[in-house]
Amino acid sequence: MAGPDSPTHGVIGWPTSDGDPYACGGPYSKAELDKAWAHYGETGRLGSADAEGGDWTSFVERWGNNFTENVTYFDHVVGLMQGRDAVKKWMNGFMRVAPFDTEMIFVMDWVVFDYERSWVNYKLWNRMRDPGDGSIHQVAMFTNLRYGGNNQWRYEEDIYNPAEFGPMLEGWNAAKQAVAEGRSTTGGGS
């Protein structure tokens, strides 16, 4: 294992003294990590506002620039992506697929800071817009962000159950259809 004084310490893919091949350097100060998290949230908020108007390109640029050029991004369905440009390309394509292009919003549930490792872990909901009956249709996602310095993240891992998306979308579509047909809905969701 590489120790903290080793030239390979913190190199992505090279085991560190704690056995973590995705260590990203640091630790960084609490103030720097807090600032980077606030920036990540603000760019997501601004990008989401752009996306409300149909401008996903702006969202992808704002959000994607939160990452280092050599980011490692691990989505448990898509797989491992290397580099900011690869992440932007994937997100740009994904967010242009209906109904995610116009109907999905991201709702933060909780966040936990690990200042010793310079990590941020959070849970958000991939939530569909109200189908018209007030019901909520959403799927949870857990994310591990690892800070890389200079207000950018060096690693992101998104963890969710893709099997939950189908039933959630079916329930949302059924609710939208019921509203369109003037049928009563129970207000339940998934």
Protein backbone atom coordinates (compact mmCIF):
# COMPACT_ATOMS: atom_id res chain seq x y z
CA MET A 1 0.00 0.00 0.00
CA ALA A 2 1.13 3.53 -0.68
CA GLY A 3 1.64 5.67 2.38
CA PRO A 4 0.86 9.39 2.65
CA ASP A 5 4.41 10.31 1.65
CA SER A 6 4.42 8.08 -1.42
CA PRO A 7 4.26 9.77 -4.86
CA THR A 8 1.32 7.48 -5.67
CA HIS A 9 -0.73 8.46 -2.59
CA GLY A 10 -4.12 9.77 -3.70
CA VAL A 11 -3.72 8.72 -7.34
CA ILE A 12 -6.98 7.38 -8.69
CA GLY A 13 -6.78 3.62 -9.07
CA TRP A 14 -3.70 3.28 -6.86
CA PRO A 15 -4.42 1.86 -3.41
CA THR A 16 -3.72 4.22 -0.55
CA SER A 17 -2.81 3.34 3.02
CA ASP A 18 -6.49 2.78 3.79
CA GLY A 19 -6.91 0.57 0.69
CA ASP A 20 -9.11 3.07 -1.15
CA PRO A 21 -8.10 3.30 -4.85
CA TYR A 22 -10.31 6.37 -5.31
CA ALA A 23 -8.77 8.61 -2.67
CA CYS A 24 -8.55 12.14 -3.96
CA GLY A 25 -5.91 13.85 -1.91
CA GLY A 26 -6.51 16.12 1.00
CA PRO A 27 -7.72 16.34 3.57
CA TYR A 28 -8.87 19.81 2.70
CA SER A 29 -10.10 22.34 5.22
CA LYS A 30 -13.68 22.30 6.45
CA ALA A 31 -14.14 25.80 5.04
CA GLU A 32 -12.92 24.74 1.58
CA LEU A 33 -15.15 21.67 1.52
CA ASP A 34 -18.17 23.69 2.68
CA LYS A 35 -17.48 26.28 -0.02
CA ALA A 36 -17.16 23.62 -2.72
CA TRP A 37 -20.42 21.98 -1.59
CA ALA A 38 -22.24 25.33 -1.66
CA HIS A 39 -20.88 25.94 -5.17
CA TYR A 40 -22.01 22.45 -6.30
CA GLY A 41 -25.49 23.14 -4.97
CA GLU A 42 -25.69 26.59 -6.50
CA THR A 43 -24.60 25.41 -9.96
CA GLY A 44 -27.16 22.61 -9.73
CA ARG A 45 -29.86 25.12 -8.76
CA LEU A 46 -28.94 27.53 -11.57
CA GLY A 47 -28.64 24.70 -14.07
CA SER A 48 -32.02 23.32 -13.01
CA ALA A 49 -33.55 26.77 -13.52
CA ASP A 50 -32.10 26.78 -17.05
CA ALA A 51 -33.46 23.27 -17.62
CA GLU A 52 -36.94 24.43 -16.57
CA GLY A 53 -36.85 26.49 -19.74
CA GLY A 54 -35.65 23.53 -21.78
CA ASP A 55 -31.96 24.48 -21.77
CA TRP A 56 -30.26 21.26 -20.67
CA THR A 57 -27.02 22.31 -22.37
CA SER A 58 -26.57 25.06 -19.78
CA PHE A 59 -27.37 22.63 -16.95
CA VAL A 60 -24.80 20.12 -18.21
CA GLU A 61 -22.13 22.80 -18.60
CA ARG A 62 -22.73 24.33 -15.16
CA TRP A 63 -22.97 21.00 -13.39
CA GLY A 64 -20.18 19.32 -15.36
CA ASN A 65 -17.73 22.10 -14.59
CA ASN A 66 -17.96 21.15 -10.91
CA PHE A 67 -15.63 18.25 -11.70
CA THR A 68 -11.91 18.06 -12.29
CA GLU A 69 -10.87 17.39 -15.88
CA ASN A 70 -9.79 13.87 -14.85
CA VAL A 71 -12.84 13.04 -12.72
CA THR A 72 -13.83 9.42 -12.17
CA TYR A 73 -17.61 9.12 -12.26
CA PHE A 74 -19.27 5.83 -11.41
CA ASP A 75 -22.95 5.31 -12.20
CA HIS A 76 -24.05 1.83 -11.21
CA VAL A 77 -26.02 1.36 -14.44
CA VAL A 78 -23.95 3.28 -16.97
CA GLY A 79 -20.64 2.20 -15.50
CA LEU A 80 -17.32 3.96 -14.96
CA MET A 81 -16.63 7.19 -16.83
CA GLN A 82 -13.27 8.92 -16.93
CA GLY A 83 -12.95 12.65 -17.53
CA ARG A 84 -15.22 15.67 -17.37
CA ASP A 85 -15.98 15.59 -21.10
CA ALA A 86 -17.20 11.98 -20.90
CA VAL A 87 -19.47 12.83 -17.97
CA LYS A 88 -20.90 15.86 -19.77
CA LYS A 89 -21.53 13.83 -22.93
CA TRP A 90 -23.38 11.14 -20.97
CA MET A 91 -25.48 13.63 -18.99
CA ASN A 92 -26.28 15.67 -22.09
CA GLY A 93 -27.63 12.58 -23.83
CA PHE A 94 -29.50 11.25 -20.80
CA MET A 95 -31.29 14.50 -20.04
CA ARG A 96 -32.62 14.71 -23.58
CA VAL A 97 -34.60 11.47 -23.22
CA ALA A 98 -38.32 11.82 -22.50
CA PRO A 99 -39.73 12.09 -19.92
CA PHE A 100 -36.54 13.04 -18.05
CA ASP A 101 -35.95 15.99 -20.39
CA THR A 102 -38.92 17.99 -19.10
CA GLU A 103 -40.50 16.12 -16.21
CA MET A 104 -37.76 15.19 -13.71
CA ILE A 105 -36.60 17.35 -10.84
CA PHE A 106 -33.99 16.63 -8.17
CA VAL A 107 -34.97 17.08 -4.53
CA MET A 108 -32.27 16.97 -1.83
CA ASP A 109 -33.18 14.88 1.20
CA TRP A 110 -30.06 14.90 3.41
CA VAL A 111 -26.31 15.44 3.33
CA VAL A 112 -23.44 14.21 5.52
CA PHE A 113 -19.92 15.69 5.48
CA ASP A 114 -16.84 13.58 6.14
CA TYR A 115 -14.28 16.31 6.74
CA GLU A 116 -11.50 13.85 7.52
CA ARG A 117 -11.72 12.30 4.04
CA SER A 118 -13.03 15.43 2.25
CA TRP A 119 -16.13 13.56 1.12
CA VAL A 120 -19.77 14.57 0.90
CA ASN A 121 -22.49 11.92 0.91
CA TYR A 122 -26.08 12.79 0.13
CA LYS A 123 -29.49 11.41 -0.72
CA LEU A 124 -31.70 13.03 -3.29
CA TRP A 125 -34.93 12.10 -4.94
CA ASN A 126 -35.25 11.76 -8.71
CA ARG A 127 -38.81 13.06 -8.66
CA MET A 128 -41.25 13.41 -11.51
CA ARG A 129 -43.25 16.62 -11.71
CA ASP A 130 -46.74 16.58 -10.25
CA PRO A 131 -48.93 14.66 -12.71
CA GLY A 132 -51.83 16.92 -11.77
CA ASP A 133 -53.26 15.08 -8.79
CA GLY A 134 -50.68 16.01 -6.15
CA SER A 135 -49.18 12.52 -6.03
CA ILE A 136 -45.42 12.06 -5.64
CA HIS A 137 -43.51 9.67 -7.89
CA GLN A 138 -39.81 9.38 -7.12
CA VAL A 139 -36.78 7.14 -6.80
CA ALA A 140 -34.00 7.64 -4.25
CA MET A 141 -30.37 8.11 -5.24
CA PHE A 142 -27.35 8.15 -2.93
CA THR A 143 -24.18 9.94 -3.99
CA ASN A 144 -20.62 9.88 -2.73
CA LEU A 145 -18.62 12.97 -3.79
CA ARG A 146 -14.88 13.17 -3.16
CA TYR A 147 -13.28 16.57 -3.26
CA GLY A 148 -10.29 17.20 -5.51
CA GLY A 149 -9.39 20.80 -4.67
CA ASN A 150 -9.92 24.11 -6.47
CA ASN A 151 -13.69 24.02 -5.94
CA GLN A 152 -14.00 20.80 -8.00
CA TRP A 153 -14.86 17.18 -7.30
CA ARG A 154 -12.51 14.37 -8.32
CA TYR A 155 -14.91 11.45 -7.88
CA GLU A 156 -18.65 10.88 -7.90
CA GLU A 157 -20.52 7.65 -7.39
CA ASP A 158 -24.29 7.45 -7.82
CA ILE A 159 -26.05 4.52 -6.20
CA TYR A 160 -29.67 3.69 -6.94
CA ASN A 161 -31.87 0.79 -7.89
CA PRO A 162 -32.71 0.98 -11.61
CA ALA A 163 -35.50 -1.57 -11.13
CA GLU A 164 -37.45 1.09 -9.23
CA PHE A 165 -37.63 3.46 -12.21
CA GLY A 166 -40.04 1.36 -14.30
CA PRO A 167 -42.79 1.01 -11.66
CA MET A 168 -42.34 4.64 -10.63
CA LEU A 169 -42.75 5.85 -14.23
CA GLU A 170 -45.75 3.54 -14.75
CA GLY A 171 -47.46 5.02 -11.69
CA TRP A 172 -46.68 8.56 -12.81
CA ASN A 173 -47.96 7.93 -16.35
CA ALA A 174 -51.14 6.30 -14.99
CA ALA A 175 -51.76 9.32 -12.75
CA LYS A 176 -51.20 11.73 -15.67
CA GLN A 177 -53.60 9.71 -17.82
CA ALA A 178 -56.25 9.63 -15.09
CA VAL A 179 -56.01 13.40 -14.67
CA ALA A 180 -56.23 13.91 -18.46
CA GLU A 181 -59.35 11.71 -18.57
CA GLY A 182 -60.91 13.43 -15.56
CA ARG A 183 -60.84 10.27 -13.48
CA SER A 184 -60.41 10.40 -9.74
CA THR A 185 -56.99 9.47 -8.44
CA THR A 186 -56.02 8.24 -5.00
CA GLY A 187 -53.07 10.65 -4.69
CA GLY A 188 -50.73 7.74 -3.96
CA GLY A 189 -47.35 7.48 -5.54
CA SER A 190 -44.18 5.52 -5.41
